[in-house]
N, C-alpha and C. Protein backbone atom coordinates (compact mmCIF):
# COMPACT_ATOMS: atom_id res chain seq x y z
N MET A 1 0.82 -1.21 0.00
CA MET A 1 0.00 0.00 0.00
C MET A 1 0.86 1.26 0.00
N GLY A 2 1.91 1.23 0.84
CA GLY A 2 2.82 2.38 0.90
C GLY A 2 3.51 2.63 -0.43
N LYS A 3 3.89 1.55 -1.11
CA LYS A 3 4.54 1.68 -2.41
C LYS A 3 3.58 2.30 -3.43
N ALA A 4 2.32 1.89 -3.39
CA ALA A 4 1.32 2.42 -4.32
C ALA A 4 1.08 3.91 -4.08
N ILE A 5 0.99 4.31 -2.81
CA ILE A 5 0.78 5.73 -2.48
C ILE A 5 1.98 6.55 -2.93
N SER A 6 3.19 6.05 -2.67
CA SER A 6 4.40 6.76 -3.07
C SER A 6 4.48 6.91 -4.59
N LEU A 7 4.14 5.83 -5.30
CA LEU A 7 4.18 5.87 -6.76
C LEU A 7 3.16 6.86 -7.31
N LEU A 8 1.95 6.84 -6.75
CA LEU A 8 0.90 7.76 -7.19
C LEU A 8 1.33 9.21 -6.96
N TYR A 9 1.94 9.48 -5.81
CA TYR A 9 2.40 10.83 -5.51
C TYR A 9 3.47 11.26 -6.52
N ASP A 10 4.43 10.37 -6.81
CA ASP A 10 5.50 10.70 -7.75
C ASP A 10 4.96 10.93 -9.16
N VAL A 11 3.98 10.13 -9.59
CA VAL A 11 3.41 10.26 -10.93
C VAL A 11 2.68 11.60 -11.08
N THR A 12 1.86 11.96 -10.09
CA THR A 12 1.13 13.23 -10.16
C THR A 12 2.09 14.42 -10.16
N ASP A 13 3.16 14.33 -9.37
CA ASP A 13 4.15 15.41 -9.36
C ASP A 13 4.87 15.51 -10.70
N HIS A 14 5.16 14.36 -11.30
CA HIS A 14 5.83 14.35 -12.61
C HIS A 14 4.93 14.98 -13.68
N LEU A 15 3.65 14.63 -13.66
CA LEU A 15 2.72 15.20 -14.64
C LEU A 15 2.60 16.71 -14.46
N TYR A 16 2.59 17.15 -13.19
CA TYR A 16 2.53 18.59 -12.93
C TYR A 16 3.79 19.28 -13.47
N ASP A 17 4.96 18.74 -13.16
CA ASP A 17 6.22 19.35 -13.60
C ASP A 17 6.32 19.38 -15.13
N LYS A 18 5.71 18.39 -15.78
CA LYS A 18 5.81 18.30 -17.24
C LYS A 18 4.84 19.23 -17.94
N HIS A 19 3.62 19.39 -17.40
CA HIS A 19 2.58 20.13 -18.12
C HIS A 19 2.22 21.48 -17.51
N TYR A 20 2.35 21.63 -16.19
CA TYR A 20 1.92 22.88 -15.55
C TYR A 20 2.96 23.42 -14.57
N PRO A 21 4.22 23.54 -14.99
CA PRO A 21 5.28 23.90 -14.04
C PRO A 21 5.17 25.31 -13.46
N LYS A 22 4.43 26.20 -14.10
CA LYS A 22 4.36 27.59 -13.63
C LYS A 22 3.02 27.95 -13.02
N ASN A 23 2.12 26.99 -12.94
CA ASN A 23 0.79 27.25 -12.38
C ASN A 23 0.69 26.62 -11.00
N SER A 24 0.94 27.42 -9.96
CA SER A 24 0.96 26.89 -8.60
C SER A 24 -0.40 26.40 -8.14
N LEU A 25 -1.48 26.94 -8.73
CA LEU A 25 -2.82 26.52 -8.34
C LEU A 25 -3.13 25.09 -8.77
N LEU A 26 -2.35 24.58 -9.73
CA LEU A 26 -2.56 23.21 -10.20
C LEU A 26 -1.56 22.23 -9.59
N ARG A 27 -0.76 22.71 -8.65
CA ARG A 27 0.16 21.82 -7.95
C ARG A 27 -0.64 20.76 -7.21
N PRO A 28 -0.27 19.47 -7.35
CA PRO A 28 -1.07 18.40 -6.72
C PRO A 28 -1.32 18.61 -5.24
N SER A 29 -0.30 19.05 -4.50
CA SER A 29 -0.48 19.25 -3.06
C SER A 29 -1.50 20.34 -2.78
N PHE A 30 -1.53 21.38 -3.62
CA PHE A 30 -2.49 22.47 -3.45
C PHE A 30 -3.90 21.99 -3.78
N LEU A 31 -4.04 21.26 -4.88
CA LEU A 31 -5.35 20.76 -5.28
C LEU A 31 -5.91 19.80 -4.23
N TRP A 32 -5.03 18.94 -3.71
CA TRP A 32 -5.48 17.99 -2.70
C TRP A 32 -5.89 18.72 -1.42
N SER A 33 -5.11 19.71 -1.03
CA SER A 33 -5.43 20.49 0.17
C SER A 33 -6.75 21.23 0.00
N ALA A 34 -6.95 21.82 -1.18
CA ALA A 34 -8.19 22.54 -1.45
C ALA A 34 -9.39 21.59 -1.39
N THR A 35 -9.21 20.37 -1.89
CA THR A 35 -10.29 19.38 -1.85
C THR A 35 -10.63 19.01 -0.41
N LEU A 36 -9.61 18.78 0.41
CA LEU A 36 -9.85 18.44 1.81
C LEU A 36 -10.56 19.57 2.56
N VAL A 37 -10.13 20.80 2.31
CA VAL A 37 -10.75 21.95 2.96
C VAL A 37 -12.21 22.10 2.53
N ALA A 38 -12.47 21.87 1.23
CA ALA A 38 -13.85 21.97 0.73
C ALA A 38 -14.75 20.90 1.36
N LEU A 39 -14.24 19.68 1.45
CA LEU A 39 -15.01 18.60 2.08
C LEU A 39 -15.27 18.90 3.56
N LEU A 40 -14.25 19.43 4.22
CA LEU A 40 -14.42 19.77 5.63
C LEU A 40 -15.42 20.91 5.80
N GLY A 41 -15.37 21.88 4.90
CA GLY A 41 -16.33 22.99 4.95
C GLY A 41 -17.76 22.51 4.79
N SER A 42 -17.97 21.58 3.88
CA SER A 42 -19.32 21.04 3.68
C SER A 42 -19.81 20.31 4.92
N LYS A 43 -18.87 19.64 5.62
CA LYS A 43 -19.26 18.92 6.83
C LYS A 43 -19.55 19.88 7.98
N LEU A 44 -18.84 20.99 8.02
CA LEU A 44 -19.09 21.99 9.06
C LEU A 44 -20.47 22.63 8.88
N ILE A 45 -20.88 22.78 7.63
CA ILE A 45 -22.20 23.36 7.35
C ILE A 45 -23.30 22.36 7.72
N ASP A 46 -23.05 21.09 7.43
CA ASP A 46 -24.02 20.04 7.76
C ASP A 46 -23.91 19.68 9.24
N GLN A 47 -24.87 20.11 10.04
CA GLN A 47 -24.82 19.90 11.48
C GLN A 47 -25.63 18.68 11.94
N LYS A 48 -26.02 17.83 11.00
CA LYS A 48 -26.82 16.66 11.36
C LYS A 48 -25.95 15.64 12.09
N ILE A 49 -26.44 15.15 13.22
CA ILE A 49 -25.72 14.16 14.01
C ILE A 49 -25.99 12.76 13.43
N GLN A 50 -24.94 12.02 13.17
CA GLN A 50 -25.07 10.66 12.68
C GLN A 50 -24.71 9.68 13.79
N PRO A 51 -25.38 8.54 13.84
CA PRO A 51 -25.05 7.55 14.88
C PRO A 51 -23.65 6.98 14.68
N SER A 52 -23.04 6.62 15.77
CA SER A 52 -21.70 6.04 15.71
C SER A 52 -21.75 4.69 15.01
N SER A 53 -20.68 4.38 14.30
CA SER A 53 -20.58 3.09 13.61
C SER A 53 -19.14 2.59 13.72
N SER A 54 -18.97 1.29 13.56
CA SER A 54 -17.63 0.71 13.67
C SER A 54 -16.72 1.22 12.55
N SER A 55 -17.28 1.43 11.35
CA SER A 55 -16.45 1.92 10.24
C SER A 55 -15.99 3.35 10.48
N ASN A 56 -16.88 4.18 11.02
CA ASN A 56 -16.51 5.56 11.31
C ASN A 56 -15.44 5.62 12.42
N ASN A 57 -15.64 4.81 13.44
CA ASN A 57 -14.65 4.75 14.52
C ASN A 57 -13.30 4.24 14.02
N LEU A 58 -13.34 3.29 13.07
CA LEU A 58 -12.11 2.75 12.50
C LEU A 58 -11.34 3.84 11.76
N VAL A 59 -12.04 4.64 10.96
CA VAL A 59 -11.39 5.74 10.23
C VAL A 59 -10.75 6.72 11.22
N PHE A 60 -11.48 7.05 12.27
CA PHE A 60 -10.99 7.98 13.27
C PHE A 60 -9.70 7.46 13.93
N LEU A 61 -9.76 6.22 14.41
CA LEU A 61 -8.62 5.66 15.13
C LEU A 61 -7.45 5.35 14.19
N PHE A 62 -7.75 4.94 12.96
CA PHE A 62 -6.69 4.65 12.00
C PHE A 62 -5.91 5.94 11.67
N GLY A 63 -6.65 7.04 11.49
CA GLY A 63 -5.99 8.31 11.21
C GLY A 63 -5.13 8.76 12.36
N LEU A 64 -5.65 8.65 13.58
CA LEU A 64 -4.91 9.05 14.77
C LEU A 64 -3.67 8.19 14.97
N GLY A 65 -3.86 6.88 14.89
CA GLY A 65 -2.74 5.96 15.09
C GLY A 65 -1.66 6.09 14.03
N SER A 66 -2.07 6.29 12.78
CA SER A 66 -1.10 6.44 11.70
C SER A 66 -0.28 7.70 11.88
N ASN A 67 -0.93 8.79 12.26
CA ASN A 67 -0.20 10.04 12.48
C ASN A 67 0.81 9.89 13.61
N LEU A 68 0.40 9.25 14.69
CA LEU A 68 1.31 9.07 15.82
C LEU A 68 2.51 8.21 15.42
N GLY A 69 2.25 7.11 14.73
CA GLY A 69 3.32 6.22 14.31
C GLY A 69 4.30 6.89 13.36
N MET A 70 3.78 7.61 12.36
CA MET A 70 4.65 8.29 11.41
C MET A 70 5.48 9.37 12.07
N ASN A 71 4.87 10.13 12.98
CA ASN A 71 5.61 11.18 13.67
C ASN A 71 6.74 10.61 14.52
N ILE A 72 6.47 9.54 15.23
CA ILE A 72 7.51 8.92 16.06
C ILE A 72 8.65 8.41 15.19
N TRP A 73 8.31 7.75 14.07
CA TRP A 73 9.35 7.19 13.20
C TRP A 73 10.18 8.29 12.55
N ILE A 74 9.52 9.30 11.97
CA ILE A 74 10.24 10.36 11.27
C ILE A 74 11.05 11.21 12.24
N SER A 75 10.47 11.56 13.38
CA SER A 75 11.11 12.49 14.31
C SER A 75 12.25 11.86 15.10
N PHE A 76 12.11 10.60 15.48
CA PHE A 76 13.08 10.01 16.41
C PHE A 76 13.95 8.90 15.82
N PHE A 77 13.62 8.42 14.62
CA PHE A 77 14.39 7.32 14.06
C PHE A 77 14.96 7.65 12.67
N SER A 78 14.07 7.89 11.71
CA SER A 78 14.49 8.06 10.32
C SER A 78 15.45 9.23 10.14
N GLY A 79 15.00 10.44 10.51
CA GLY A 79 15.82 11.63 10.29
C GLY A 79 17.12 11.60 11.06
N MET A 80 17.07 11.22 12.33
CA MET A 80 18.27 11.20 13.16
C MET A 80 19.29 10.18 12.68
N THR A 81 18.81 9.09 12.08
CA THR A 81 19.73 8.07 11.55
C THR A 81 20.38 8.55 10.27
N MET A 82 19.58 9.08 9.34
CA MET A 82 20.12 9.49 8.05
C MET A 82 21.09 10.66 8.16
N ILE A 83 20.81 11.61 9.05
CA ILE A 83 21.67 12.79 9.15
C ILE A 83 23.06 12.44 9.66
N ARG A 84 23.18 11.29 10.37
CA ARG A 84 24.48 10.85 10.88
C ARG A 84 25.22 9.96 9.89
N LEU A 85 24.52 9.47 8.85
CA LEU A 85 25.13 8.51 7.94
C LEU A 85 25.29 9.02 6.51
N LEU A 86 24.37 9.86 6.04
CA LEU A 86 24.38 10.29 4.65
C LEU A 86 25.11 11.61 4.46
N PRO A 87 25.89 11.76 3.37
CA PRO A 87 26.44 13.07 3.02
C PRO A 87 25.32 14.09 2.88
N ARG A 88 25.59 15.35 3.20
CA ARG A 88 24.53 16.35 3.32
C ARG A 88 23.68 16.49 2.06
N HIS A 89 24.29 16.36 0.87
CA HIS A 89 23.50 16.51 -0.35
C HIS A 89 22.58 15.32 -0.58
N GLN A 90 23.07 14.14 -0.28
CA GLN A 90 22.21 12.95 -0.37
C GLN A 90 21.08 13.03 0.65
N PHE A 91 21.41 13.48 1.85
CA PHE A 91 20.40 13.65 2.89
C PHE A 91 19.34 14.65 2.44
N GLY A 92 19.77 15.73 1.80
CA GLY A 92 18.82 16.73 1.31
C GLY A 92 17.89 16.18 0.24
N ILE A 93 18.44 15.35 -0.65
CA ILE A 93 17.62 14.75 -1.70
C ILE A 93 16.58 13.80 -1.11
N VAL A 94 17.01 12.98 -0.15
CA VAL A 94 16.08 12.05 0.49
C VAL A 94 14.98 12.81 1.21
N GLN A 95 15.37 13.83 1.98
CA GLN A 95 14.38 14.59 2.73
C GLN A 95 13.42 15.35 1.81
N SER A 96 13.93 15.86 0.70
CA SER A 96 13.08 16.61 -0.23
C SER A 96 12.05 15.72 -0.90
N ASN A 97 12.30 14.42 -0.94
CA ASN A 97 11.32 13.48 -1.48
C ASN A 97 10.47 12.84 -0.40
N LEU A 98 11.02 12.74 0.80
CA LEU A 98 10.31 12.07 1.89
C LEU A 98 9.28 12.97 2.56
N PHE A 99 9.65 14.21 2.88
CA PHE A 99 8.77 15.04 3.69
C PHE A 99 7.50 15.51 2.98
N PRO A 100 7.52 15.80 1.69
CA PRO A 100 6.23 16.12 1.05
C PRO A 100 5.23 14.97 1.17
N LYS A 101 5.71 13.73 1.05
CA LYS A 101 4.82 12.58 1.20
C LYS A 101 4.39 12.42 2.66
N PHE A 102 5.30 12.72 3.57
CA PHE A 102 4.97 12.63 4.99
C PHE A 102 3.85 13.60 5.35
N PHE A 103 3.96 14.85 4.91
CA PHE A 103 2.93 15.83 5.25
C PHE A 103 1.65 15.62 4.43
N PHE A 104 1.79 15.03 3.25
CA PHE A 104 0.61 14.65 2.49
C PHE A 104 -0.21 13.62 3.26
N LEU A 105 0.47 12.62 3.82
CA LEU A 105 -0.22 11.57 4.55
C LEU A 105 -0.74 12.08 5.90
N THR A 106 0.07 12.86 6.63
CA THR A 106 -0.39 13.34 7.94
C THR A 106 -1.60 14.27 7.79
N SER A 107 -1.60 15.11 6.75
CA SER A 107 -2.76 15.98 6.55
C SER A 107 -3.98 15.17 6.15
N THR A 108 -3.78 14.13 5.35
CA THR A 108 -4.90 13.27 4.93
C THR A 108 -5.47 12.50 6.11
N PHE A 109 -4.59 11.92 6.93
CA PHE A 109 -5.06 11.17 8.09
C PHE A 109 -5.70 12.09 9.13
N SER A 110 -5.14 13.30 9.28
CA SER A 110 -5.74 14.28 10.21
C SER A 110 -7.14 14.66 9.74
N PHE A 111 -7.28 14.82 8.44
CA PHE A 111 -8.59 15.12 7.88
C PHE A 111 -9.56 13.98 8.15
N GLY A 112 -9.12 12.74 7.94
CA GLY A 112 -10.00 11.59 8.17
C GLY A 112 -10.49 11.52 9.60
N SER A 113 -9.59 11.77 10.56
CA SER A 113 -9.99 11.74 11.97
C SER A 113 -10.96 12.87 12.29
N LEU A 114 -10.66 14.08 11.80
CA LEU A 114 -11.53 15.22 12.08
C LEU A 114 -12.90 15.05 11.42
N TYR A 115 -12.92 14.60 10.18
CA TYR A 115 -14.19 14.44 9.46
C TYR A 115 -15.07 13.39 10.12
N SER A 116 -14.47 12.26 10.50
CA SER A 116 -15.25 11.19 11.15
C SER A 116 -15.73 11.64 12.53
N TYR A 117 -14.95 12.47 13.20
CA TYR A 117 -15.37 13.00 14.50
C TYR A 117 -16.56 13.95 14.34
N LEU A 118 -16.52 14.78 13.31
CA LEU A 118 -17.61 15.74 13.07
C LEU A 118 -18.90 15.04 12.65
N LYS A 119 -18.79 13.87 12.07
CA LYS A 119 -20.00 13.14 11.68
C LYS A 119 -20.81 12.75 12.90
N VAL A 120 -20.12 12.39 13.97
CA VAL A 120 -20.80 11.97 15.20
C VAL A 120 -20.98 13.14 16.17
N ASN A 121 -20.04 14.07 16.13
CA ASN A 121 -20.06 15.21 17.05
C ASN A 121 -19.95 16.53 16.28
N PRO A 122 -21.02 16.99 15.65
CA PRO A 122 -20.96 18.29 14.95
C PRO A 122 -20.67 19.42 15.93
N ILE A 123 -20.16 20.54 15.42
CA ILE A 123 -19.74 21.64 16.28
C ILE A 123 -20.85 22.11 17.20
N SER A 124 -22.08 22.07 16.72
CA SER A 124 -23.21 22.54 17.54
C SER A 124 -23.39 21.72 18.82
N SER A 125 -22.82 20.51 18.86
CA SER A 125 -22.96 19.65 20.04
C SER A 125 -21.72 19.69 20.93
N TRP A 126 -20.73 20.48 20.55
CA TRP A 126 -19.48 20.51 21.32
C TRP A 126 -19.67 21.19 22.67
N SER A 127 -19.09 20.60 23.69
CA SER A 127 -19.03 21.20 25.01
C SER A 127 -18.01 20.45 25.83
N GLY A 128 -17.38 21.12 26.77
CA GLY A 128 -16.41 20.47 27.64
C GLY A 128 -15.26 19.81 26.88
N ASP A 129 -14.96 18.56 27.21
CA ASP A 129 -13.86 17.83 26.60
C ASP A 129 -14.07 17.58 25.11
N LYS A 130 -15.32 17.51 24.69
CA LYS A 130 -15.58 17.34 23.26
C LYS A 130 -15.06 18.54 22.47
N SER A 131 -15.21 19.73 23.03
CA SER A 131 -14.69 20.93 22.37
C SER A 131 -13.17 20.91 22.34
N VAL A 132 -12.56 20.46 23.43
CA VAL A 132 -11.10 20.41 23.50
C VAL A 132 -10.56 19.43 22.47
N LEU A 133 -11.16 18.23 22.41
CA LEU A 133 -10.71 17.23 21.44
C LEU A 133 -10.93 17.73 20.02
N GLY A 134 -12.06 18.35 19.75
CA GLY A 134 -12.33 18.89 18.42
C GLY A 134 -11.33 19.94 18.02
N CYS A 135 -10.94 20.80 18.96
CA CYS A 135 -9.95 21.84 18.67
C CYS A 135 -8.58 21.24 18.39
N PHE A 136 -8.22 20.19 19.15
CA PHE A 136 -6.94 19.52 18.89
C PHE A 136 -6.94 18.86 17.51
N LEU A 137 -8.05 18.24 17.15
CA LEU A 137 -8.15 17.60 15.83
C LEU A 137 -8.05 18.63 14.71
N GLY A 138 -8.77 19.75 14.88
CA GLY A 138 -8.72 20.81 13.87
C GLY A 138 -7.35 21.45 13.78
N GLY A 139 -6.72 21.66 14.94
CA GLY A 139 -5.39 22.26 14.95
C GLY A 139 -4.36 21.38 14.28
N SER A 140 -4.42 20.08 14.54
CA SER A 140 -3.49 19.14 13.92
C SER A 140 -3.65 19.12 12.40
N PHE A 141 -4.90 19.12 11.94
CA PHE A 141 -5.15 19.15 10.50
C PHE A 141 -4.61 20.42 9.87
N ALA A 142 -4.87 21.57 10.49
CA ALA A 142 -4.42 22.85 9.94
C ALA A 142 -2.89 22.93 9.89
N LEU A 143 -2.22 22.48 10.94
CA LEU A 143 -0.75 22.54 10.99
C LEU A 143 -0.12 21.65 9.93
N ASN A 144 -0.66 20.45 9.76
CA ASN A 144 -0.13 19.54 8.73
C ASN A 144 -0.37 20.10 7.33
N LEU A 145 -1.52 20.73 7.15
CA LEU A 145 -1.85 21.29 5.84
C LEU A 145 -0.93 22.48 5.50
N ILE A 146 -0.67 23.32 6.48
CA ILE A 146 0.23 24.46 6.27
C ILE A 146 1.64 23.97 5.92
N ASN A 147 2.07 22.92 6.58
CA ASN A 147 3.39 22.35 6.26
C ASN A 147 3.42 21.78 4.85
N LEU A 148 2.32 21.15 4.45
CA LEU A 148 2.26 20.54 3.12
C LEU A 148 2.37 21.57 2.01
N VAL A 149 1.61 22.66 2.12
CA VAL A 149 1.51 23.61 1.01
C VAL A 149 2.48 24.80 1.13
N TRP A 150 3.10 25.01 2.31
CA TRP A 150 3.89 26.22 2.46
C TRP A 150 5.23 26.00 3.16
N PHE A 151 5.22 25.76 4.47
CA PHE A 151 6.46 25.74 5.24
C PHE A 151 7.45 24.71 4.72
N ASN A 152 7.00 23.47 4.54
CA ASN A 152 7.92 22.42 4.10
C ASN A 152 8.39 22.65 2.67
N LYS A 153 7.50 23.14 1.81
CA LYS A 153 7.89 23.40 0.42
C LYS A 153 8.99 24.45 0.35
N LYS A 154 8.83 25.53 1.11
CA LYS A 154 9.84 26.59 1.13
C LYS A 154 11.15 26.09 1.73
N THR A 155 11.05 25.27 2.76
CA THR A 155 12.25 24.71 3.37
C THR A 155 13.05 23.90 2.37
N ILE A 156 12.36 23.06 1.61
CA ILE A 156 13.02 22.22 0.61
C ILE A 156 13.62 23.08 -0.50
N ASP A 157 12.89 24.08 -0.97
CA ASP A 157 13.38 24.95 -2.05
C ASP A 157 14.70 25.61 -1.67
N TYR A 158 14.76 26.19 -0.48
CA TYR A 158 15.97 26.90 -0.07
C TYR A 158 17.10 25.94 0.28
N ASN A 159 16.75 24.75 0.78
CA ASN A 159 17.79 23.76 1.06
C ASN A 159 18.45 23.27 -0.23
N LEU A 160 17.65 23.01 -1.24
CA LEU A 160 18.19 22.57 -2.52
C LEU A 160 18.99 23.70 -3.19
N GLN A 161 18.56 24.94 -2.99
CA GLN A 161 19.31 26.07 -3.52
C GLN A 161 20.68 26.17 -2.86
N MET A 162 20.74 25.97 -1.56
CA MET A 162 22.02 25.96 -0.85
C MET A 162 22.93 24.86 -1.38
N HIS A 163 22.37 23.67 -1.55
CA HIS A 163 23.18 22.54 -2.00
C HIS A 163 23.69 22.74 -3.43
N GLN A 164 22.90 23.41 -4.27
CA GLN A 164 23.34 23.67 -5.64
C GLN A 164 24.53 24.64 -5.64
N ILE A 165 24.47 25.65 -4.79
CA ILE A 165 25.59 26.59 -4.68
C ILE A 165 26.83 25.87 -4.16
N GLU A 166 26.66 24.98 -3.20
CA GLU A 166 27.78 24.21 -2.67
C GLU A 166 28.39 23.33 -3.76
N LYS A 167 27.54 22.68 -4.55
CA LYS A 167 28.05 21.83 -5.63
C LYS A 167 28.84 22.65 -6.64
N ASN A 168 28.32 23.81 -6.99
CA ASN A 168 29.02 24.67 -7.96
C ASN A 168 30.38 25.10 -7.43
N ALA A 169 30.49 25.20 -6.10
CA ALA A 169 31.76 25.61 -5.49
C ALA A 169 32.63 24.41 -5.16
N GLY A 170 32.10 23.21 -5.36
CA GLY A 170 32.87 22.00 -5.11
C GLY A 170 33.02 21.65 -3.65
N VAL A 171 32.05 22.05 -2.81
CA VAL A 171 32.13 21.73 -1.37
C VAL A 171 30.85 21.03 -0.94
N GLY A 172 30.92 20.32 0.18
CA GLY A 172 29.74 19.72 0.79
C GLY A 172 29.27 18.43 0.18
N ILE A 173 29.97 17.95 -0.87
CA ILE A 173 29.48 16.77 -1.58
C ILE A 173 29.64 15.50 -0.74
N THR A 174 30.75 15.39 -0.03
CA THR A 174 31.00 14.18 0.78
C THR A 174 30.91 14.45 2.28
N ILE A 175 30.64 15.68 2.66
CA ILE A 175 30.59 16.05 4.08
C ILE A 175 29.28 15.58 4.70
N ILE A 176 29.39 15.00 5.88
CA ILE A 176 28.22 14.61 6.65
C ILE A 176 27.95 15.68 7.70
N GLY A 177 26.73 16.19 7.73
CA GLY A 177 26.39 17.24 8.69
C GLY A 177 26.62 18.63 8.13
N GLN A 178 26.89 19.59 9.00
CA GLN A 178 27.04 20.97 8.59
C GLN A 178 28.42 21.25 8.01
N LEU A 179 28.48 22.29 7.16
CA LEU A 179 29.76 22.74 6.63
C LEU A 179 30.54 23.48 7.70
N LYS A 180 31.85 23.47 7.57
CA LYS A 180 32.68 24.27 8.47
C LYS A 180 32.49 25.75 8.16
N GLN A 181 32.60 26.57 9.19
CA GLN A 181 32.35 27.99 9.03
C GLN A 181 33.30 28.65 8.04
N GLN A 182 34.51 28.13 7.87
CA GLN A 182 35.47 28.74 6.96
C GLN A 182 35.27 28.31 5.51
N SER A 183 34.22 27.54 5.24
CA SER A 183 33.95 27.12 3.87
C SER A 183 33.78 28.34 2.96
N LYS A 184 34.28 28.24 1.71
CA LYS A 184 34.28 29.41 0.82
C LYS A 184 32.89 29.85 0.40
N VAL A 185 31.89 28.98 0.52
CA VAL A 185 30.54 29.41 0.14
C VAL A 185 29.93 30.33 1.19
N GLU A 186 30.50 30.35 2.41
CA GLU A 186 29.96 31.18 3.47
C GLU A 186 30.07 32.67 3.16
N SER A 187 30.95 33.05 2.25
CA SER A 187 31.10 34.45 1.88
C SER A 187 30.24 34.84 0.68
N ASP A 188 29.50 33.88 0.14
CA ASP A 188 28.63 34.13 -1.01
C ASP A 188 27.31 34.74 -0.52
N PRO A 189 26.97 35.98 -0.95
CA PRO A 189 25.73 36.62 -0.49
C PRO A 189 24.48 35.81 -0.84
N GLU A 190 24.48 35.20 -2.03
CA GLU A 190 23.33 34.40 -2.43
C GLU A 190 23.17 33.19 -1.52
N TYR A 191 24.28 32.60 -1.15
CA TYR A 191 24.26 31.44 -0.25
C TYR A 191 23.77 31.85 1.14
N GLN A 192 24.25 32.98 1.62
CA GLN A 192 23.85 33.46 2.93
C GLN A 192 22.35 33.77 2.98
N LEU A 193 21.82 34.34 1.89
CA LEU A 193 20.39 34.64 1.85
C LEU A 193 19.56 33.36 1.84
N ALA A 194 19.99 32.39 1.02
CA ALA A 194 19.28 31.10 0.96
C ALA A 194 19.35 30.39 2.31
N LYS A 195 20.50 30.47 2.97
CA LYS A 195 20.68 29.83 4.27
C LYS A 195 19.79 30.47 5.32
N LYS A 196 19.69 31.80 5.29
CA LYS A 196 18.85 32.51 6.26
C LYS A 196 17.38 32.13 6.08
N LYS A 197 16.91 32.12 4.82
CA LYS A 197 15.52 31.78 4.57
C LYS A 197 15.24 30.31 4.87
N PHE A 198 16.23 29.45 4.60
CA PHE A 198 16.06 28.03 4.95
C PHE A 198 15.85 27.87 6.44
N ARG A 199 16.65 28.56 7.23
CA ARG A 199 16.53 28.44 8.69
C ARG A 199 15.19 28.96 9.18
N ILE A 200 14.71 30.03 8.58
CA ILE A 200 13.42 30.60 8.98
C ILE A 200 12.29 29.61 8.72
N TYR A 201 12.23 29.11 7.48
CA TYR A 201 11.14 28.21 7.12
C TYR A 201 11.29 26.84 7.79
N HIS A 202 12.52 26.41 8.00
CA HIS A 202 12.73 25.14 8.68
C HIS A 202 12.26 25.23 10.13
N SER A 203 12.51 26.36 10.76
CA SER A 203 12.03 26.54 12.14
C SER A 203 10.50 26.59 12.18
N PHE A 204 9.88 27.24 11.19
CA PHE A 204 8.41 27.26 11.11
C PHE A 204 7.87 25.85 10.92
N SER A 205 8.49 25.11 10.00
CA SER A 205 8.03 23.75 9.70
C SER A 205 8.20 22.84 10.90
N LEU A 206 9.35 22.95 11.57
CA LEU A 206 9.63 22.12 12.74
C LEU A 206 8.66 22.44 13.88
N THR A 207 8.39 23.73 14.08
CA THR A 207 7.46 24.13 15.13
C THR A 207 6.06 23.62 14.86
N ALA A 208 5.60 23.76 13.62
CA ALA A 208 4.27 23.30 13.25
C ALA A 208 4.15 21.78 13.43
N ASN A 209 5.20 21.06 13.03
CA ASN A 209 5.15 19.60 13.15
C ASN A 209 5.20 19.17 14.62
N THR A 210 5.98 19.89 15.44
CA THR A 210 6.05 19.57 16.87
C THR A 210 4.71 19.81 17.55
N LEU A 211 4.07 20.92 17.20
CA LEU A 211 2.75 21.22 17.77
C LEU A 211 1.72 20.18 17.33
N SER A 212 1.80 19.76 16.08
CA SER A 212 0.88 18.74 15.59
C SER A 212 1.10 17.41 16.32
N PHE A 213 2.36 17.07 16.54
CA PHE A 213 2.69 15.84 17.27
C PHE A 213 2.16 15.91 18.70
N ALA A 214 2.36 17.06 19.35
CA ALA A 214 1.85 17.25 20.71
C ALA A 214 0.33 17.18 20.73
N SER A 215 -0.29 17.72 19.70
CA SER A 215 -1.75 17.67 19.60
C SER A 215 -2.24 16.22 19.48
N THR A 216 -1.53 15.42 18.70
CA THR A 216 -1.90 14.01 18.55
C THR A 216 -1.80 13.27 19.88
N LEU A 217 -0.74 13.55 20.63
CA LEU A 217 -0.59 12.93 21.95
C LEU A 217 -1.73 13.35 22.88
N ALA A 218 -2.10 14.63 22.80
CA ALA A 218 -3.21 15.13 23.63
C ALA A 218 -4.52 14.46 23.23
N GLN A 219 -4.70 14.19 21.96
CA GLN A 219 -5.91 13.52 21.50
C GLN A 219 -6.01 12.11 22.10
N PHE A 220 -4.90 11.39 22.12
CA PHE A 220 -4.91 10.05 22.71
C PHE A 220 -5.18 10.12 24.21
N TYR A 221 -4.64 11.13 24.85
CA TYR A 221 -4.89 11.28 26.29
C TYR A 221 -6.37 11.50 26.57
N LEU A 222 -6.99 12.38 25.78
CA LEU A 222 -8.41 12.66 25.96
C LEU A 222 -9.26 11.44 25.66
N LEU A 223 -8.89 10.70 24.63
CA LEU A 223 -9.65 9.49 24.29
C LEU A 223 -9.57 8.45 25.39
N ALA A 224 -8.43 8.40 26.06
CA ALA A 224 -8.27 7.42 27.14
C ALA A 224 -9.11 7.77 28.37
N ASN A 225 -9.60 9.01 28.41
CA ASN A 225 -10.35 9.46 29.59
C ASN A 225 -11.80 9.82 29.29
N GLY A 226 -12.30 9.41 28.13
CA GLY A 226 -13.70 9.74 27.82
C GLY A 226 -14.23 8.95 26.66
N ASN A 227 -15.52 9.08 26.40
CA ASN A 227 -16.20 8.40 25.30
C ASN A 227 -16.77 9.47 24.36
N TYR A 228 -16.23 9.53 23.16
CA TYR A 228 -16.62 10.59 22.23
C TYR A 228 -17.47 10.06 21.08
N PHE A 229 -17.80 8.79 21.11
CA PHE A 229 -18.56 8.20 20.02
C PHE A 229 -19.75 7.41 20.55
N SER A 230 -20.40 8.02 21.54
CA SER A 230 -21.52 7.34 22.17
C SER A 230 -22.86 7.73 21.56
N LEU A 231 -22.87 8.72 20.65
CA LEU A 231 -24.14 9.18 20.10
C LEU A 231 -24.67 8.21 19.04
């Protein structure tokens, strides 16, 4: 299943790059995000309460569990291992292909959990812990979506720009980790600008992902202490 999702993502990106490279509104990640937001908007308008079902609960829990598992793996295992083993340019290439798919999946799973929750608990019925859980679900979805369409994309763009300048200068190709401060690219104004913007967007992306991860943990805590699908 993972291979099929990855292949589908790569094919849609290839078609976009081939036919619509200058039209950002047709970027697959933007179209997918717009579709999710539209579906969520229609559900927010529809305030009809639906009875709980095993399939709806499965979608909710599958989305929550998948997000938690992916966040733990990416944050504490995958990235930390690769950054210690791969040369910086190879690491950048892997991350530039891995993280768009990561945020595509986390935003999709966050949407699934939020949508299935709203089916049983529309906003008009929120009170107490139900409101808290709903806000955490909505916040997690929004943070993952922002990373998908903006923060992570900008981070990758500036990181690849830095690596291209390094390659042109013949540095950083075999180095693992950060460049030494005396590296000759450090005096390049274009490199310094790309590096500054990379750090800004990387900090935004990291903060958003950390908050989303914390929100997912809070969701599990609330679920362990209440029943949100009793209607």
